[in-house]
Amino acid sequence: MAAGLVISAPASGVGKTTLTLALARAWRNRGLNVQCFKSGPDYIDPAFHAAATGRASVNIDSWAMDRGTVAHLVSRGVDADVVLAEGSMGLFDGVAARGVSGTGATADISEMLGWPVVLVIDPSGQAQTAAAIAAGLRDYRKGVHLAGVVLNRVASPRHEALVRRALNDAGIAVFGALPRHAEISLPKRHLGLVQAEEQAEIGKLIDEAARFVAEHVDLEAVLRSAANWTPEPAANGLNVTPPGQRIALARDAAFSFVYPHMLEGWRAAGAEIVPFSPLADEVPDASADVCWLPGGYPELHAGRIAANARFRSGLQAFAETRPVHGECGGYMVLGAALTDGDGISHEMAGLLGLETSFAKRRMHLGYRLAELAAPMPGHHIGARLRGHEFHYSTILTQPDTPLAVVHDATGAVIAETGSRRGQATGTFFHLIAEDR
């Protein structure tokens, strides 16, 4: 039987990821088996979780996934001593319209699984008001239980004492208080944290975070606050259809945004994944029956991609006889041209007419529900696909046949329809699950 907890906060940028990694590594250092999950559609944090625990982490998402899929995914924690679900944004932040089993809020996962919430609160610029915020979150929704609070970035012992007293008066447990500590700050870029695989010192950083948190947080008290949890029997599996039997998967620093549960679902269905690196000028495996280009950071490597003629010609040859699909950054690379942040236009693969610009930045963010107007690898016309879009690139032209009618979480139709031309398809959203 595992002990389950959710790590959340009133808002983004408060320190959820750092605390999750630190707790996971500190408990692992004490001989406990720790399993992490990520609530919501963030595709970067699970790699950090894996670095901290030595176990693969996956996303669980109440807007895109049904309860059976969530149950199936979290069942991998059955042999763990502790399971931690790291939230996204604030505890109750989701979309206005309910999805498959919720609004995408971290609170949905807490209630669904019965795991109490440890709140990370940054009381910078306030004192007793931090207790009012915590009390409001505690009382906002029945079924969501607050275990206690960890204070982050406290300014001084006097500041800590003021906040602690107010929280104690409100009947809220304080597990610890972390002074400001720049050495454990995780580096960021425009789509979130710099990826774990790009940070050579990530192990040392997590070790330092674990040491720091163990010094200032009562780890035993946090563990005692967790709920004893046994996974429910999962009524269904991963609800994932592989795009082919043998999948050539672009995989490097420019193409790395893949939801772990998607790859696991493909393998569980019997598919074989053959990685290749466009940045190393490699081509899709000749024996593959489909090629998949995930998202990532092609806008940071556009010149190199354009110069890799072997990759581009190999991809073009592959697409003459077999399907190729791109998600977000992969979609941009399948297009005709990509303008980088300096305003320089680079020739891409040309399998689609799409032209995009990272110089004209505008954030596109949110859940997406797409009804396919044309088939794409693994999915037929009329399929309803749930995914998430997050990028800063602007469409200059999208001249090909629309792949889908795409709605945001409010039901509004959006312009990022995806494209289809011949064997090539692409979308700006990252696929999470198909409605069944």
Protein backbone atom coordinates (compact mmCIF):
# COMPACT_ATOMS: atom_id res chain seq x y z
CA MET A 1 0.00 0.00 0.00
CA ALA A 2 1.41 3.37 -1.05
CA ALA A 3 1.06 6.79 0.55
CA GLY A 4 -0.42 9.35 -1.87
CA LEU A 5 0.01 13.13 -1.95
CA VAL A 6 -0.59 15.99 -4.37
CA ILE A 7 1.87 18.90 -4.49
CA SER A 8 0.07 22.10 -5.48
CA ALA A 9 0.08 25.86 -4.95
CA PRO A 10 -2.09 28.96 -5.33
CA ALA A 11 -0.40 29.81 -8.65
CA SER A 12 2.37 28.96 -11.09
CA GLY A 13 5.99 29.82 -10.33
CA VAL A 14 5.78 29.19 -6.59
CA GLY A 15 8.08 26.16 -6.40
CA LYS A 16 5.95 23.04 -6.96
CA THR A 17 8.46 21.30 -9.21
CA THR A 18 11.43 22.01 -6.94
CA LEU A 19 9.59 20.73 -3.86
CA THR A 20 8.34 17.64 -5.70
CA LEU A 21 11.85 16.76 -6.90
CA ALA A 22 13.37 17.46 -3.50
CA LEU A 23 10.85 15.35 -1.58
CA ALA A 24 11.14 12.51 -4.08
CA ARG A 25 14.95 12.44 -3.92
CA ALA A 26 15.07 12.91 -0.11
CA TRP A 27 12.72 9.96 0.44
CA ARG A 28 14.55 7.90 -2.16
CA ASN A 29 17.81 8.64 -0.31
CA ARG A 30 16.14 7.20 2.79
CA GLY A 31 15.39 3.95 1.01
CA LEU A 32 11.80 4.59 -0.06
CA ASN A 33 10.41 3.77 -3.51
CA VAL A 34 8.88 6.98 -4.93
CA GLN A 35 6.57 7.25 -7.95
CA CYS A 36 5.74 10.66 -9.46
CA PHE A 37 2.98 11.82 -11.78
CA LYS A 38 2.22 15.15 -13.44
CA SER A 39 -1.31 16.52 -13.30
CA GLY A 40 -2.07 18.32 -16.54
CA PRO A 41 -0.52 18.49 -20.00
CA ASP A 42 3.06 19.57 -19.16
CA TYR A 43 5.43 17.34 -21.17
CA ILE A 44 8.69 18.59 -19.58
CA ASP A 45 8.26 17.87 -15.85
CA PRO A 46 7.96 14.05 -16.11
CA ALA A 47 11.61 13.81 -17.22
CA PHE A 48 12.65 15.69 -14.07
CA HIS A 49 10.56 13.31 -11.99
CA ALA A 50 12.32 10.34 -13.57
CA ALA A 51 15.71 11.92 -12.81
CA ALA A 52 14.73 12.32 -9.15
CA THR A 53 13.16 8.90 -8.59
CA GLY A 54 14.69 6.52 -11.13
CA ARG A 55 11.13 5.63 -12.24
CA ALA A 56 9.25 6.83 -15.32
CA SER A 57 6.62 9.49 -14.66
CA VAL A 58 3.49 10.09 -16.75
CA ASN A 59 0.82 12.75 -17.16
CA ILE A 60 -2.67 12.31 -15.71
CA ASP A 61 -5.25 14.73 -17.05
CA SER A 62 -8.90 15.08 -16.04
CA TRP A 63 -9.89 17.12 -19.10
CA ALA A 64 -8.52 14.72 -21.71
CA MET A 65 -8.67 11.35 -19.91
CA ASP A 66 -11.50 9.31 -18.44
CA ARG A 67 -11.28 7.91 -14.92
CA GLY A 68 -10.35 4.46 -16.23
CA THR A 69 -7.33 5.82 -18.08
CA VAL A 70 -6.20 7.79 -15.04
CA ALA A 71 -6.64 4.67 -12.87
CA HIS A 72 -4.60 2.62 -15.34
CA LEU A 73 -1.79 5.15 -15.40
CA VAL A 74 -1.49 5.61 -11.64
CA SER A 75 -1.60 1.86 -11.03
CA ARG A 76 2.13 1.81 -11.79
CA GLY A 77 2.55 3.23 -8.29
CA VAL A 78 1.22 0.05 -6.66
CA ASP A 79 4.73 -1.13 -5.68
CA ALA A 80 5.88 2.31 -4.46
CA ASP A 81 6.07 3.50 -0.87
CA VAL A 82 5.11 7.06 -1.81
CA VAL A 83 3.27 8.48 -4.83
CA LEU A 84 3.45 12.20 -5.59
CA ALA A 85 1.31 14.00 -8.16
CA GLU A 86 2.73 17.40 -9.06
CA GLY A 87 0.02 19.87 -9.98
CA SER A 88 -0.06 22.52 -12.69
CA MET A 89 -0.88 26.21 -12.23
CA GLY A 90 -3.00 26.84 -9.11
CA LEU A 91 -4.87 24.09 -7.26
CA PHE A 92 -8.29 24.84 -8.77
CA ASP A 93 -7.15 26.27 -12.10
CA GLY A 94 -8.68 24.49 -15.06
CA VAL A 95 -10.91 25.39 -18.00
CA ALA A 96 -14.46 26.70 -17.83
CA ALA A 97 -16.08 23.73 -19.58
CA ARG A 98 -15.79 20.22 -18.16
CA GLY A 99 -13.90 17.68 -20.24
CA VAL A 100 -13.94 13.89 -20.00
CA SER A 101 -13.70 13.62 -16.19
CA GLY A 102 -13.02 17.19 -15.04
CA THR A 103 -11.74 20.61 -15.98
CA GLY A 104 -8.04 19.76 -15.98
CA ALA A 105 -7.55 21.20 -12.49
CA THR A 106 -5.14 19.59 -10.05
CA ALA A 107 -8.01 19.48 -7.53
CA ASP A 108 -9.79 16.97 -9.80
CA ILE A 109 -6.91 14.52 -9.39
CA SER A 110 -6.79 15.03 -5.63
CA GLU A 111 -10.50 14.30 -5.30
CA MET A 112 -10.51 11.46 -7.82
CA LEU A 113 -7.65 9.59 -6.12
CA GLY A 114 -8.28 10.66 -2.54
CA TRP A 115 -4.78 12.12 -2.16
CA PRO A 116 -4.39 15.09 0.23
CA VAL A 117 -2.77 18.31 -0.97
CA VAL A 118 0.50 19.79 0.26
CA LEU A 119 0.40 23.47 -0.66
CA VAL A 120 3.55 25.38 -1.58
CA ILE A 121 3.02 29.01 -0.62
CA ASP A 122 5.36 31.88 -1.41
CA PRO A 123 4.55 34.61 1.17
CA SER A 124 6.81 37.22 -0.45
CA GLY A 125 5.31 40.67 0.11
CA GLN A 126 2.75 39.40 2.63
CA ALA A 127 2.45 37.78 6.04
CA GLN A 128 -0.92 36.86 7.59
CA THR A 129 -2.56 37.10 4.17
CA ALA A 130 -0.76 33.87 3.24
CA ALA A 131 -2.88 32.10 5.87
CA ALA A 132 -6.06 33.59 4.41
CA ILE A 133 -5.09 32.25 0.97
CA ALA A 134 -4.35 28.78 2.37
CA ALA A 135 -7.62 28.74 4.33
CA GLY A 136 -9.56 29.79 1.25
CA LEU A 137 -8.03 26.97 -0.78
CA ARG A 138 -8.72 24.51 2.04
CA ASP A 139 -12.41 25.40 2.17
CA TYR A 140 -13.11 26.04 -1.51
CA ARG A 141 -14.20 22.57 -2.59
CA LYS A 142 -15.53 19.58 -0.71
CA GLY A 143 -13.65 16.39 -1.44
CA VAL A 144 -10.26 18.12 -1.66
CA HIS A 145 -8.37 17.73 1.62
CA LEU A 146 -5.50 20.03 2.60
CA ALA A 147 -2.72 18.16 4.42
CA GLY A 148 -0.63 21.23 5.19
CA VAL A 149 1.70 23.89 3.85
CA VAL A 150 5.36 24.33 2.96
CA LEU A 151 6.42 27.98 2.88
CA ASN A 152 8.89 28.93 0.16
CA ARG A 153 11.20 31.96 -0.12
CA VAL A 154 10.58 33.32 3.38
CA ALA A 155 12.48 36.57 3.92
CA SER A 156 13.60 36.23 7.54
CA PRO A 157 12.92 34.36 10.82
CA ARG A 158 10.53 37.16 11.84
CA HIS A 159 8.66 36.83 8.55
CA GLU A 160 8.42 33.07 9.01
CA ALA A 161 7.12 33.47 12.58
CA LEU A 162 4.34 35.83 11.48
CA VAL A 163 3.16 33.50 8.71
CA ARG A 164 3.45 30.37 10.86
CA ARG A 165 1.39 31.90 13.66
CA ALA A 166 -1.37 32.93 11.28
CA LEU A 167 -1.47 29.46 9.71
CA ASN A 168 -1.51 27.77 13.11
CA ASP A 169 -4.39 30.03 14.18
CA ALA A 170 -6.26 28.91 11.04
CA GLY A 171 -5.68 25.26 11.97
CA ILE A 172 -3.33 24.61 9.04
CA ALA A 173 -0.21 22.51 9.56
CA VAL A 174 3.13 24.02 8.52
CA PHE A 175 5.55 21.31 7.46
CA GLY A 176 8.47 23.66 6.95
CA ALA A 177 9.73 26.99 5.68
CA LEU A 178 12.36 27.41 2.98
CA PRO A 179 14.58 30.52 2.92
CA ARG A 180 15.53 31.94 -0.45
CA HIS A 181 18.15 29.68 -2.04
CA ALA A 182 19.29 30.64 -5.55
CA GLU A 183 21.46 27.54 -5.97
CA ILE A 184 18.43 25.30 -6.57
CA SER A 185 16.69 27.48 -9.14
CA LEU A 186 15.76 25.50 -12.26
CA PRO A 187 16.65 27.31 -15.53
CA LYS A 188 13.77 28.27 -17.84
CA ARG A 189 13.07 29.22 -21.45
CA HIS A 190 9.97 30.26 -23.40
CA LEU A 191 8.06 26.97 -23.10
CA GLY A 192 8.95 26.26 -19.47
CA LEU A 193 11.90 24.61 -17.78
CA VAL A 194 15.02 23.78 -19.76
CA GLN A 195 14.65 20.05 -20.34
CA ALA A 196 16.23 17.63 -17.89
CA GLU A 197 18.28 15.89 -20.60
CA GLU A 198 19.86 19.25 -21.52
CA GLN A 199 21.17 19.84 -18.00
CA ALA A 200 24.36 17.92 -17.29
CA GLU A 201 24.25 18.87 -13.61
CA ILE A 202 20.60 17.98 -13.01
CA GLY A 203 21.47 15.17 -10.59
CA LYS A 204 23.58 17.48 -8.44
CA LEU A 205 20.88 20.16 -8.50
CA ILE A 206 18.23 17.67 -7.31
CA ASP A 207 20.59 16.39 -4.61
CA GLU A 208 21.11 19.94 -3.35
CA ALA A 209 17.36 20.58 -3.39
CA ALA A 210 16.80 17.36 -1.41
CA ARG A 211 19.46 18.33 1.15
CA PHE A 212 18.02 21.83 1.50
CA VAL A 213 14.42 20.66 1.89
CA ALA A 214 15.37 17.90 4.35
CA GLU A 215 17.07 20.58 6.47
CA HIS A 216 14.00 22.83 6.57
CA VAL A 217 10.96 20.54 6.16
CA ASP A 218 9.68 17.81 8.48
CA LEU A 219 9.76 14.92 6.01
CA GLU A 220 8.20 12.49 8.48
CA ALA A 221 5.26 14.83 9.11
CA VAL A 222 4.67 15.23 5.38
CA LEU A 223 4.73 11.46 4.94
CA ARG A 224 2.31 10.90 7.84
CA SER A 225 -0.14 13.31 6.20
CA ALA A 226 -0.36 11.19 3.04
CA ALA A 227 -3.37 8.98 2.35
CA ASN A 228 -2.98 5.23 2.33
CA TRP A 229 -3.82 4.28 -1.22
CA THR A 230 -4.40 1.13 -3.20
CA PRO A 231 -5.01 1.50 -6.96
CA GLU A 232 -8.54 0.90 -8.17
CA PRO A 233 -8.95 -1.82 -10.80
CA ALA A 234 -8.65 -0.09 -14.17
CA ALA A 235 -11.64 -0.70 -16.43
CA ASN A 236 -9.65 0.09 -19.56
CA GLY A 237 -6.11 0.51 -20.76
CA LEU A 238 -4.32 3.53 -22.10
CA ASN A 239 -6.82 4.36 -24.86
CA VAL A 240 -3.93 4.96 -27.26
CA THR A 241 -3.79 3.81 -30.89
CA PRO A 242 -0.30 3.58 -32.42
CA PRO A 243 0.16 5.33 -35.77
CA GLY A 244 1.84 2.25 -37.23
CA GLN A 245 3.54 -1.03 -36.47
CA ARG A 246 7.11 0.27 -36.80
CA ILE A 247 7.39 3.97 -35.99
CA ALA A 248 10.35 6.16 -36.96
CA LEU A 249 10.35 8.75 -34.15
CA ALA A 250 12.34 11.99 -34.38
CA ARG A 251 14.08 12.32 -31.02
CA ASP A 252 16.68 14.92 -30.02
CA ALA A 253 16.90 18.42 -28.51
CA ALA A 254 14.67 19.84 -31.27
CA PHE A 255 12.07 17.04 -31.14
CA SER A 256 11.48 15.93 -27.58
CA PHE A 257 7.94 16.82 -26.51
CA VAL A 258 6.33 13.40 -26.34
CA TYR A 259 3.89 12.39 -23.63
CA PRO A 260 5.38 9.28 -21.98
CA HIS A 261 2.00 7.55 -21.83
CA MET A 262 1.69 7.84 -25.62
CA LEU A 263 4.94 5.98 -26.21
CA GLU A 264 3.98 3.38 -23.60
CA GLY A 265 0.59 2.99 -25.24
CA TRP A 266 2.16 2.45 -28.64
CA ARG A 267 4.49 -0.19 -27.27
CA ALA A 268 1.70 -1.86 -25.28
CA ALA A 269 -0.27 -2.19 -28.53
CA GLY A 270 2.68 -4.02 -30.09
CA ALA A 271 4.30 -1.18 -32.02
CA GLU A 272 8.07 -0.80 -32.29
CA ILE A 273 9.67 2.66 -31.98
CA VAL A 274 12.86 3.44 -33.91
CA PRO A 275 14.35 6.83 -32.88
CA PHE A 276 16.38 9.01 -35.22
CA SER A 277 17.92 12.48 -34.86
CA PRO A 278 17.19 15.18 -37.45
CA LEU A 279 19.80 17.40 -35.76
CA ALA A 280 22.41 14.70 -36.44
CA ASP A 281 21.23 14.67 -40.09
CA GLU A 282 19.74 11.19 -39.71
CA VAL A 283 16.81 9.88 -41.77
CA PRO A 284 13.77 7.81 -40.81
CA ASP A 285 14.45 4.09 -40.67
CA ALA A 286 13.78 2.58 -44.10
CA SER A 287 11.86 -0.34 -42.59
CA ALA A 288 9.41 1.91 -40.69
CA ASP A 289 5.83 2.18 -41.92
CA VAL A 290 5.22 5.64 -40.44
CA CYS A 291 7.30 8.64 -39.33
CA TRP A 292 6.34 10.84 -36.37
CA LEU A 293 7.92 14.24 -35.64
CA PRO A 294 6.95 15.45 -32.15
CA GLY A 295 7.18 18.98 -30.87
CA GLY A 296 10.20 20.55 -29.26
CA TYR A 297 12.39 23.52 -30.07
CA PRO A 298 12.96 23.57 -33.85
CA GLU A 299 12.83 27.38 -33.72
CA LEU A 300 16.09 27.29 -31.75
CA HIS A 301 17.74 24.97 -34.29
CA ALA A 302 16.14 26.12 -37.56
CA GLY A 303 19.42 26.93 -39.30
CA ARG A 304 20.87 23.53 -38.52
CA ILE A 305 17.71 21.71 -39.62
CA ALA A 306 17.70 23.66 -42.89
CA ALA A 307 21.36 22.77 -43.48
CA ASN A 308 20.80 19.05 -42.89
CA ALA A 309 20.03 18.15 -46.50
CA ARG A 310 20.27 14.41 -45.87
CA PHE A 311 17.53 14.57 -43.25
CA ARG A 312 15.24 16.71 -45.38
CA SER A 313 15.66 14.67 -48.57
CA GLY A 314 15.31 11.41 -46.61
CA LEU A 315 12.08 12.62 -45.04
CA GLN A 316 10.76 13.71 -48.43
CA ALA A 317 11.57 10.29 -49.92
CA PHE A 318 9.90 8.53 -46.99
CA ALA A 319 6.73 10.59 -47.45
CA GLU A 320 6.38 9.51 -51.08
CA THR A 321 5.19 6.08 -49.97
CA ARG A 322 4.40 6.24 -46.23
CA PRO A 323 2.66 8.63 -43.85
CA VAL A 324 4.52 11.32 -41.94
CA HIS A 325 2.93 13.26 -39.08
CA GLY A 326 4.20 16.27 -37.15
CA GLU A 327 3.00 17.79 -33.87
CA CYS A 328 3.58 21.48 -33.14
CA GLY A 329 7.34 21.92 -33.75
CA GLY A 330 7.27 18.79 -35.91
CA TYR A 331 4.40 20.31 -37.89
CA MET A 332 6.46 23.47 -38.41
CA VAL A 333 9.40 21.44 -39.75
CA LEU A 334 7.12 19.62 -42.20
CA GLY A 335 6.19 23.03 -43.60
CA ALA A 336 7.84 25.16 -46.26
CA ALA A 337 9.67 27.67 -44.07
CA LEU A 338 10.32 28.66 -40.47
CA THR A 339 11.40 32.19 -39.49
CA ASP A 340 13.57 32.17 -36.38
CA GLY A 341 13.70 34.69 -33.54
CA ASP A 342 16.15 36.88 -35.46
CA GLY A 343 13.77 37.19 -38.40
CA ILE A 344 15.78 34.84 -40.67
CA SER A 345 13.67 32.49 -42.79
CA HIS A 346 14.89 28.88 -43.08
CA GLU A 347 13.75 26.31 -45.62
CA MET A 348 12.07 23.31 -44.00
CA ALA A 349 11.04 19.92 -45.41
CA GLY A 350 8.34 21.31 -47.72
CA LEU A 351 5.95 18.38 -47.28
CA LEU A 352 3.30 20.93 -46.32
CA GLY A 353 2.87 24.56 -47.36
CA LEU A 354 2.83 25.83 -43.77
CA GLU A 355 5.04 28.84 -43.05
CA THR A 356 5.57 29.97 -39.46
CA SER A 357 7.45 32.71 -37.66
CA PHE A 358 9.02 32.72 -34.21
CA ALA A 359 9.98 36.37 -34.74
CA LYS A 360 6.30 37.37 -34.53
CA ARG A 361 5.64 35.82 -31.12
CA ARG A 362 2.19 35.30 -29.71
CA MET A 363 1.37 32.69 -27.12
CA HIS A 364 -1.05 29.94 -28.15
CA LEU A 365 -2.05 27.92 -25.10
CA GLY A 366 -4.90 25.62 -24.17
CA TYR A 367 -6.70 22.33 -24.52
CA ARG A 368 -7.89 21.33 -27.98
CA LEU A 369 -10.67 19.03 -29.21
CA ALA A 370 -10.27 18.14 -32.86
CA GLU A 371 -12.68 16.28 -35.13
CA LEU A 372 -10.70 14.89 -38.05
CA ALA A 373 -11.86 15.96 -41.50
CA ALA A 374 -9.19 13.70 -43.04
CA PRO A 375 -7.38 10.65 -41.69
CA MET A 376 -4.04 10.88 -39.90
CA PRO A 377 -1.79 8.01 -38.80
CA GLY A 378 -3.68 5.85 -36.29
CA HIS A 379 -6.96 7.78 -36.55
CA HIS A 380 -9.83 7.85 -39.07
CA ILE A 381 -12.07 10.60 -40.42
CA GLY A 382 -14.46 11.75 -37.72
CA ALA A 383 -12.25 10.71 -34.81
CA ARG A 384 -12.41 13.11 -31.86
CA LEU A 385 -8.93 13.78 -30.53
CA ARG A 386 -8.10 15.60 -27.30
CA GLY A 387 -4.81 17.40 -26.96
CA HIS A 388 -3.04 20.53 -25.80
CA GLU A 389 -1.40 23.39 -27.69
CA PHE A 390 1.44 25.55 -26.36
CA HIS A 391 3.74 27.55 -28.60
CA TYR A 392 4.74 31.10 -29.47
CA SER A 393 5.02 30.78 -33.25
CA THR A 394 2.68 32.58 -35.64
CA ILE A 395 1.17 31.08 -38.77
CA LEU A 396 2.15 33.11 -41.84
CA THR A 397 0.35 30.80 -44.26
CA GLN A 398 -1.45 27.46 -43.88
CA PRO A 399 -2.56 26.73 -47.46
CA ASP A 400 -3.16 22.97 -47.45
CA THR A 401 -6.35 21.01 -46.84
CA PRO A 402 -7.39 21.42 -43.19
CA LEU A 403 -6.85 18.25 -41.21
CA ALA A 404 -9.56 18.89 -38.63
CA VAL A 405 -12.13 21.21 -37.18
CA VAL A 406 -10.42 22.24 -33.95
CA HIS A 407 -12.12 23.75 -30.89
CA ASP A 408 -10.67 25.19 -27.73
CA ALA A 409 -11.97 24.15 -24.31
CA THR A 410 -14.85 26.65 -24.52
CA GLY A 411 -16.06 25.16 -27.81
CA ALA A 412 -14.83 28.05 -29.95
CA VAL A 413 -13.41 27.13 -33.36
CA ILE A 414 -9.74 28.09 -33.73
CA ALA A 415 -7.57 28.78 -36.77
CA GLU A 416 -4.91 26.13 -36.04
CA THR A 417 -6.71 23.41 -38.01
CA GLY A 418 -3.66 21.35 -38.91
CA SER A 419 -2.95 20.37 -42.52
CA ARG A 420 -2.88 17.45 -44.89
CA ARG A 421 -1.09 17.06 -48.21
CA GLY A 422 -0.50 13.66 -49.72
CA GLN A 423 1.04 11.39 -47.07
CA ALA A 424 1.92 14.30 -44.75
CA THR A 425 -0.24 15.55 -41.88
CA GLY A 426 0.39 17.91 -39.01
CA THR A 427 -1.26 19.59 -36.03
CA PHE A 428 -0.31 22.31 -33.59
CA PHE A 429 -1.77 20.36 -30.69
CA HIS A 430 -0.06 17.47 -28.92
CA LEU A 431 -2.32 14.42 -28.83
CA ILE A 432 -3.26 13.13 -25.36
CA ALA A 433 -6.22 10.80 -25.94
CA GLU A 434 -9.03 9.90 -28.33
CA ASP A 435 -12.68 10.01 -27.28
CA ARG A 436 -14.14 6.52 -27.45
